[in-house]
């Protein structure tokens, strides 16, 4: 089993003694009679459970707050400015709520709910009302949808094509970012009914580390190109995506290094794609590892000798030879390791658990 935690150190604050305080998106507190805050409750983060044996509420808040309440598992998906959905959750909409745990009641709130609303939800699981639950204003049902199935992907050839392009003259960003752009382009092809192809030659041919599961290699010359990168102004993205959906060109090219899943999924009227596991489904439908990285991975897995693996992702940003937005100072590595130790203890992992730190410096 591989446990991977992407650490967002912007959610760590310090108290007056400069000791880190851990604030988790997902918090669980005891069933006492008083409101409780979630700060420091690293030993109370819940895991999905059987809702019949332990009825609780799963509540997604489209905002940001340090908030907890008895019998309610609260997940906040607001960025630090409290005005935008946290970018790591591209499906954070009431209709999908893919990050919510199993629960007796699953709801989403458009803002920070009042204490009266939280009390009402708690009462609904302790004494379910007759005739169904009437949700207070500002709450919406969060459906428990099944995960995305790659069987839903359209792999048939089409007369029109969409090509993800990354040339030496194209701004593509790093490999991680361009994969988000590539998968976004793949989703755009699925939603617009086009065959999908990839022309990625910089800095290395994509096939040098990812093998195609189906033919996707392409060489493009001139084509109608949509440039959706961090170097462009993306304020009119919804209009641009609508223009692409209505574009009648035989071949469309997309150059992108950003996540476009949220605006693209607004065109998923059937709800086929707006589910957990979309990114992995798109990725695994296109790729397997190429022979060389497969050999490296196999050696690493053999060296684990069956031990549990805990993954740590540390982003420093502008601490290397290239120019990149700064994220976390190198001095924050101690906080990342402290968090990993807390996660290991919280999950009761064995003492010989291996740690793998992936870093950009």
Protein backbone atom coordinates (compact mmCIF):
# COMPACT_ATOMS: atom_id res chain seq x y z
CA UNK A 1 0.00 0.00 0.00
CA UNK A 2 1.32 3.43 -0.92
CA UNK A 3 0.23 6.39 1.18
CA UNK A 4 0.96 9.70 -0.51
CA UNK A 5 0.41 13.06 1.18
CA UNK A 6 0.94 16.30 -0.73
CA UNK A 7 1.86 18.77 2.01
CA UNK A 8 0.50 22.27 1.68
CA UNK A 9 2.66 24.18 4.13
CA UNK A 10 0.67 27.37 3.61
CA UNK A 11 -1.81 25.76 6.00
CA UNK A 12 0.72 25.70 8.82
CA UNK A 13 0.83 28.65 11.18
CA UNK A 14 2.99 29.32 14.19
CA UNK A 15 2.07 30.25 17.73
CA UNK A 16 3.96 32.62 19.96
CA UNK A 17 6.56 29.96 20.69
CA UNK A 18 7.25 29.45 16.98
CA UNK A 19 5.99 25.86 17.16
CA UNK A 20 4.04 24.69 14.11
CA UNK A 21 0.28 24.38 14.44
CA UNK A 22 -1.30 21.87 12.08
CA UNK A 23 -4.62 22.79 10.52
CA UNK A 24 -6.14 19.98 8.46
CA UNK A 25 -8.87 20.31 5.84
CA UNK A 26 -10.60 17.27 7.33
CA UNK A 27 -11.25 17.30 11.04
CA UNK A 28 -13.15 15.18 13.50
CA UNK A 29 -13.79 16.09 17.10
CA UNK A 30 -15.46 14.33 20.01
CA UNK A 31 -19.16 14.29 20.61
CA UNK A 32 -19.16 16.76 23.50
CA UNK A 33 -21.76 19.44 23.98
CA UNK A 34 -19.53 22.40 23.14
CA UNK A 35 -18.11 23.71 19.91
CA UNK A 36 -14.49 22.71 19.45
CA UNK A 37 -11.76 24.01 17.19
CA UNK A 38 -9.73 21.66 15.02
CA UNK A 39 -6.29 23.22 15.49
CA UNK A 40 -3.75 20.72 16.70
CA UNK A 41 -6.14 17.78 16.52
CA UNK A 42 -3.73 15.71 14.44
CA UNK A 43 -4.88 12.52 16.16
CA UNK A 44 -8.52 13.02 15.20
CA UNK A 45 -8.47 13.05 11.40
CA UNK A 46 -11.13 10.56 10.30
CA UNK A 47 -11.08 7.97 7.56
CA UNK A 48 -14.08 6.77 5.52
CA UNK A 49 -16.36 4.63 7.67
CA UNK A 50 -19.56 2.67 7.50
CA UNK A 51 -22.30 5.36 7.80
CA UNK A 52 -24.77 2.84 9.20
CA UNK A 53 -22.68 1.93 12.24
CA UNK A 54 -21.52 5.48 12.98
CA UNK A 55 -23.96 8.03 11.50
CA UNK A 56 -22.31 11.39 10.85
CA UNK A 57 -22.56 14.38 8.53
CA UNK A 58 -20.03 15.07 5.78
CA UNK A 59 -20.02 18.81 5.01
CA UNK A 60 -18.05 20.53 2.26
CA UNK A 61 -17.65 24.30 2.70
CA UNK A 62 -16.82 26.39 -0.36
CA UNK A 63 -14.84 28.87 1.68
CA UNK A 64 -12.10 28.73 4.26
CA UNK A 65 -12.37 28.51 8.02
CA UNK A 66 -10.91 26.68 10.98
CA UNK A 67 -14.15 25.07 12.00
CA UNK A 68 -15.29 21.89 13.72
CA UNK A 69 -18.52 20.59 15.22
CA UNK A 70 -19.54 17.34 16.92
CA UNK A 71 -20.74 14.54 14.60
CA UNK A 72 -19.81 16.58 11.50
CA UNK A 73 -16.76 15.93 9.29
CA UNK A 74 -15.97 19.30 7.75
CA UNK A 75 -13.88 19.87 4.64
CA UNK A 76 -13.08 23.42 3.55
CA UNK A 77 -11.99 24.02 -0.03
CA UNK A 78 -11.38 27.76 0.03
CA UNK A 79 -8.07 29.28 -0.94
CA UNK A 80 -6.32 31.51 1.56
CA UNK A 81 -8.10 34.60 0.26
CA UNK A 82 -11.43 32.80 0.95
CA UNK A 83 -12.81 33.81 -2.45
CA UNK A 84 -11.73 30.98 -4.75
CA UNK A 85 -12.04 27.21 -4.66
CA UNK A 86 -8.79 25.58 -3.58
CA UNK A 87 -7.08 24.60 -6.82
CA UNK A 88 -6.07 21.14 -5.63
CA UNK A 89 -9.74 20.09 -5.72
CA UNK A 90 -10.84 20.67 -9.33
CA UNK A 91 -14.17 18.91 -8.76
CA UNK A 92 -15.18 20.88 -5.68
CA UNK A 93 -18.78 21.43 -6.72
CA UNK A 94 -21.91 20.33 -4.84
CA UNK A 95 -22.85 17.83 -7.53
CA UNK A 96 -19.72 15.73 -7.08
CA UNK A 97 -18.11 16.41 -3.69
CA UNK A 98 -15.60 13.71 -4.48
CA UNK A 99 -13.44 14.36 -1.43
CA UNK A 100 -16.21 13.78 1.10
CA UNK A 101 -16.01 10.65 3.28
CA UNK A 102 -18.86 8.18 3.60
CA UNK A 103 -21.60 9.64 5.77
CA UNK A 104 -25.27 9.38 6.70
CA UNK A 105 -25.81 12.94 5.40
CA UNK A 106 -23.63 14.52 2.68
CA UNK A 107 -24.09 18.23 2.02
CA UNK A 108 -22.21 21.20 0.58
CA UNK A 109 -22.36 24.81 1.78
CA UNK A 110 -21.73 27.88 -0.35
CA UNK A 111 -20.32 29.82 2.60
CA UNK A 112 -19.50 29.39 6.26
CA UNK A 113 -22.59 27.85 7.90
CA UNK A 114 -24.03 29.28 11.08
CA UNK A 115 -23.93 27.49 14.42
CA UNK A 116 -27.70 26.99 14.08
CA UNK A 117 -27.19 25.21 10.74
CA UNK A 118 -24.49 22.95 12.19
CA UNK A 119 -26.70 22.18 15.16
CA UNK A 120 -29.57 21.29 12.82
CA UNK A 121 -27.36 18.87 10.85
CA UNK A 122 -26.12 17.24 14.03
CA UNK A 123 -29.68 16.80 15.23
CA UNK A 124 -30.63 15.22 11.89
CA UNK A 125 -28.21 12.33 12.41
CA UNK A 126 -29.03 11.90 16.08
CA UNK A 127 -32.80 11.90 15.50
CA UNK A 128 -33.62 11.65 11.76
CA UNK A 129 -36.75 13.71 11.04
CA UNK A 130 -39.88 12.07 9.71
CA UNK A 131 -40.75 12.82 6.10
CA UNK A 132 -37.18 13.52 4.94
CA UNK A 133 -34.59 16.19 5.63
CA UNK A 134 -35.32 19.81 4.71
CA UNK A 135 -31.94 21.43 4.13
CA UNK A 136 -31.48 24.98 5.45
CA UNK A 137 -30.87 27.77 2.96
CA UNK A 138 -27.34 27.72 1.55
CA UNK A 139 -26.94 23.93 1.76
CA UNK A 140 -27.14 21.52 -1.17
CA UNK A 141 -27.13 17.72 -1.36
CA UNK A 142 -23.71 16.26 -2.18
CA UNK A 143 -24.37 13.07 -4.07
CA UNK A 144 -22.27 9.99 -3.40
CA UNK A 145 -21.25 9.29 -6.99
CA UNK A 146 -19.19 6.35 -8.13
CA UNK A 147 -15.63 7.03 -9.24
CA UNK A 148 -14.85 7.85 -12.85
CA UNK A 149 -14.55 4.81 -15.09
CA UNK A 150 -12.13 4.89 -18.06
CA UNK A 151 -14.73 2.75 -19.86
CA UNK A 152 -16.63 6.00 -20.41
CA UNK A 153 -13.82 7.40 -22.55
CA UNK A 154 -14.42 7.70 -26.27
CA UNK A 155 -11.42 6.13 -28.00
CA UNK A 156 -13.00 5.87 -31.43
CA UNK A 157 -11.35 7.76 -34.30
CA UNK A 158 -13.08 10.97 -35.31
CA UNK A 159 -12.86 13.10 -38.43
CA UNK A 160 -11.71 16.10 -36.40
CA UNK A 161 -8.69 16.11 -34.09
CA UNK A 162 -7.34 17.95 -31.08
CA UNK A 163 -3.57 17.95 -30.56
CA UNK A 164 -1.67 18.87 -27.41
CA UNK A 165 1.49 20.64 -28.57
CA UNK A 166 4.75 21.36 -26.77
CA UNK A 167 7.62 22.40 -29.02
CA UNK A 168 10.94 24.09 -28.32
CA UNK A 169 9.27 27.36 -29.32
CA UNK A 170 6.18 26.76 -27.16
CA UNK A 171 5.85 27.80 -23.52
CA UNK A 172 4.95 24.57 -21.72
CA UNK A 173 6.35 24.86 -18.19
CA UNK A 174 7.81 21.88 -16.35
CA UNK A 175 6.83 18.26 -16.92
CA UNK A 176 4.37 18.20 -14.02
CA UNK A 177 2.52 21.33 -15.15
CA UNK A 178 2.45 20.30 -18.79
CA UNK A 179 0.90 16.95 -17.82
CA UNK A 180 -1.96 18.90 -16.22
CA UNK A 181 -2.26 20.86 -19.47
CA UNK A 182 -2.08 17.65 -21.49
CA UNK A 183 -4.80 15.93 -19.48
CA UNK A 184 -6.92 19.08 -19.68
CA UNK A 185 -6.53 18.99 -23.47
CA UNK A 186 -7.46 15.31 -23.45
CA UNK A 187 -10.65 16.15 -21.52
CA UNK A 188 -11.40 18.95 -24.01
CA UNK A 189 -11.10 16.42 -26.85
CA UNK A 190 -13.50 14.05 -25.08
CA UNK A 191 -16.05 16.82 -24.46
CA UNK A 192 -15.84 18.16 -28.03
CA UNK A 193 -15.95 14.76 -29.77
CA UNK A 194 -12.46 14.87 -31.30
CA UNK A 195 -9.64 12.38 -31.65
CA UNK A 196 -6.73 13.20 -29.35
CA UNK A 197 -3.07 13.33 -30.29
CA UNK A 198 0.15 14.60 -28.70
CA UNK A 199 3.04 16.47 -30.30
CA UNK A 200 5.48 16.95 -27.40
CA UNK A 201 9.10 17.28 -28.44
CA UNK A 202 10.55 19.55 -25.74
CA UNK A 203 12.67 19.21 -23.71
CA UNK A 204 12.56 15.46 -24.47
CA UNK A 205 10.15 13.42 -26.56
CA UNK A 206 7.31 12.35 -24.28
CA UNK A 207 7.71 8.70 -25.31
CA UNK A 208 11.15 8.63 -23.66
CA UNK A 209 9.48 8.27 -20.26
CA UNK A 210 5.82 7.46 -21.02
CA UNK A 211 4.79 4.70 -23.44
CA UNK A 212 1.58 5.05 -25.44
CA UNK A 213 -1.22 2.59 -24.74
CA UNK A 214 -2.73 3.65 -28.06
CA UNK A 215 -1.35 5.68 -30.98
CA UNK A 216 -1.17 9.32 -29.97
CA UNK A 217 2.06 10.58 -31.52
CA UNK A 218 1.59 13.44 -33.96
CA UNK A 219 3.65 15.98 -35.87
CA UNK A 220 1.91 19.30 -36.33
CA UNK A 221 2.71 22.15 -38.68
CA UNK A 222 0.10 24.90 -38.81
CA UNK A 223 -3.13 24.63 -36.85
CA UNK A 224 -5.59 26.76 -34.93
CA UNK A 225 -3.89 27.00 -31.53
CA UNK A 226 -5.44 27.80 -28.16
CA UNK A 227 -2.74 28.99 -25.77
CA UNK A 228 -3.88 28.30 -22.23
CA UNK A 229 -0.70 28.75 -20.25
CA UNK A 230 0.38 30.60 -17.13
CA UNK A 231 2.03 33.15 -19.44
CA UNK A 232 -1.35 34.25 -20.84
CA UNK A 233 -4.27 36.18 -19.39
CA UNK A 234 -6.85 33.47 -18.64
CA UNK A 235 -9.63 35.71 -17.34
CA UNK A 236 -11.83 34.90 -20.37
CA UNK A 237 -11.26 31.13 -20.12
CA UNK A 238 -14.96 30.22 -20.13
CA UNK A 239 -15.49 32.18 -23.36
CA UNK A 240 -12.38 30.61 -24.89
CA UNK A 241 -13.51 27.08 -24.03
CA UNK A 242 -16.95 27.79 -25.51
CA UNK A 243 -15.22 29.03 -28.68
CA UNK A 244 -13.24 25.77 -28.85
CA UNK A 245 -16.39 23.67 -28.40
CA UNK A 246 -17.95 25.45 -31.38
CA UNK A 247 -14.76 25.55 -33.49
CA UNK A 248 -15.31 23.77 -36.82
CA UNK A 249 -11.63 23.45 -37.73
CA UNK A 250 -10.47 19.96 -38.72
CA UNK A 251 -7.44 20.21 -36.44
CA UNK A 252 -7.20 22.20 -33.22
CA UNK A 253 -4.01 22.54 -31.16
CA UNK A 254 -3.76 23.35 -27.46
CA UNK A 255 -0.64 24.55 -25.68
CA UNK A 256 -1.22 24.52 -21.93
CA UNK A 257 0.51 24.04 -18.59
CA UNK A 258 -2.43 24.78 -16.26
CA UNK A 259 -5.34 22.86 -14.74
CA UNK A 260 -8.48 23.52 -16.76
CA UNK A 261 -10.68 20.78 -15.34
CA UNK A 262 -13.11 23.03 -13.45
CA UNK A 263 -14.08 25.26 -16.44
CA UNK A 264 -14.10 22.29 -18.81
CA UNK A 265 -16.36 20.26 -16.54
CA UNK A 266 -18.99 22.98 -16.79
CA UNK A 267 -19.56 21.48 -20.26
CA UNK A 268 -19.98 17.96 -18.84
CA UNK A 269 -23.77 18.08 -18.91
CA UNK A 270 -24.15 14.32 -18.53
CA UNK A 271 -21.97 14.21 -15.40
CA UNK A 272 -19.85 11.46 -16.96
CA UNK A 273 -16.52 13.07 -16.13
CA UNK A 274 -17.28 15.05 -12.96
CA UNK A 275 -16.22 12.26 -10.64
CA UNK A 276 -13.38 11.14 -8.45
CA UNK A 277 -10.51 9.50 -10.30
CA UNK A 278 -10.88 11.53 -13.52
CA UNK A 279 -7.22 12.51 -13.79
CA UNK A 280 -5.89 9.02 -13.13
CA UNK A 281 -8.48 7.60 -15.54
CA UNK A 282 -7.39 9.95 -18.33
CA UNK A 283 -3.71 9.33 -17.60
CA UNK A 284 -3.91 5.54 -17.45
CA UNK A 285 -6.01 5.45 -20.61
CA UNK A 286 -3.15 7.13 -22.49
CA UNK A 287 0.08 6.01 -20.85
CA UNK A 288 2.15 3.37 -19.21
CA UNK A 289 5.69 3.88 -18.00
CA UNK A 290 8.44 3.62 -20.60
CA UNK A 291 11.04 0.83 -20.13
CA UNK A 292 13.77 2.93 -18.48
CA UNK A 293 11.64 4.51 -15.70
CA UNK A 294 9.91 1.13 -15.27
CA UNK A 295 13.34 -0.42 -14.51
CA UNK A 296 14.14 2.36 -12.02
CA UNK A 297 10.77 1.97 -10.30
CA UNK A 298 11.08 -1.82 -10.13
CA UNK A 299 14.46 -1.51 -8.39
CA UNK A 300 13.03 1.00 -5.92
CA UNK A 301 10.05 -1.24 -5.13
CA UNK A 302 12.38 -4.19 -4.62
CA UNK A 303 14.47 -2.14 -2.18
CA UNK A 304 11.36 -1.53 -0.06
CA UNK A 305 11.15 -5.25 0.67
CA UNK A 306 7.44 -5.01 1.39
CA UNK A 307 7.64 -2.02 3.74
CA UNK A 308 4.89 0.60 3.80
CA UNK A 309 5.78 3.77 1.90
CA UNK A 310 4.82 7.30 2.97
CA UNK A 311 5.30 9.95 0.28
CA UNK A 312 6.24 13.58 0.97
CA UNK A 313 5.96 16.23 -1.74
CA UNK A 314 8.01 19.36 -1.07
CA UNK A 315 7.82 22.36 -3.38
CA UNK A 316 10.46 25.02 -2.84
CA UNK A 317 9.96 26.87 -6.10
CA UNK A 318 12.62 29.44 -6.84
CA UNK A 319 15.46 27.68 -5.02
CA UNK A 320 17.13 26.19 -8.10
CA UNK A 321 18.88 27.32 -11.27
CA UNK A 322 15.63 28.12 -13.09
CA UNK A 323 13.13 30.89 -12.44
CA UNK A 324 10.00 29.61 -10.72
CA UNK A 325 7.51 31.18 -8.29
CA UNK A 326 8.76 30.78 -4.73
CA UNK A 327 6.69 28.47 -2.56
CA UNK A 328 8.27 27.18 0.64
CA UNK A 329 11.68 28.08 2.05
CA UNK A 330 14.20 25.29 2.46
CA UNK A 331 13.92 25.83 6.19
CA UNK A 332 10.34 24.54 5.98
CA UNK A 333 11.61 21.02 5.30
CA UNK A 334 11.68 20.44 9.07
CA UNK A 335 7.95 21.24 9.17
CA UNK A 336 7.27 18.82 6.33
CA UNK A 337 9.13 16.04 8.14
CA UNK A 338 7.37 16.87 11.40
CA UNK A 339 4.02 16.59 9.61
CA UNK A 340 5.04 13.27 8.06
CA UNK A 341 5.97 11.93 11.50
CA UNK A 342 2.56 13.01 12.81
CA UNK A 343 0.80 11.29 9.89
CA UNK A 344 2.79 8.10 10.45
CA UNK A 345 1.87 8.07 14.14
CA UNK A 346 -1.76 9.00 13.47
CA UNK A 347 -2.24 6.15 10.99
CA UNK A 348 -0.39 3.67 13.18
CA UNK A 349 2.12 2.82 10.46
CA UNK A 350 4.84 0.30 11.33
CA UNK A 351 8.17 1.54 12.67
CA UNK A 352 10.03 0.45 9.52
CA UNK A 353 7.86 2.62 7.25
CA UNK A 354 9.93 4.09 4.40
CA UNK A 355 9.70 7.78 3.53
CA UNK A 356 10.08 9.07 0.01
CA UNK A 357 10.50 12.82 -0.47
CA UNK A 358 9.90 14.21 -3.94
CA UNK A 359 11.32 17.73 -4.28
CA UNK A 360 12.02 20.28 -6.97
CA UNK A 361 15.44 21.34 -5.68
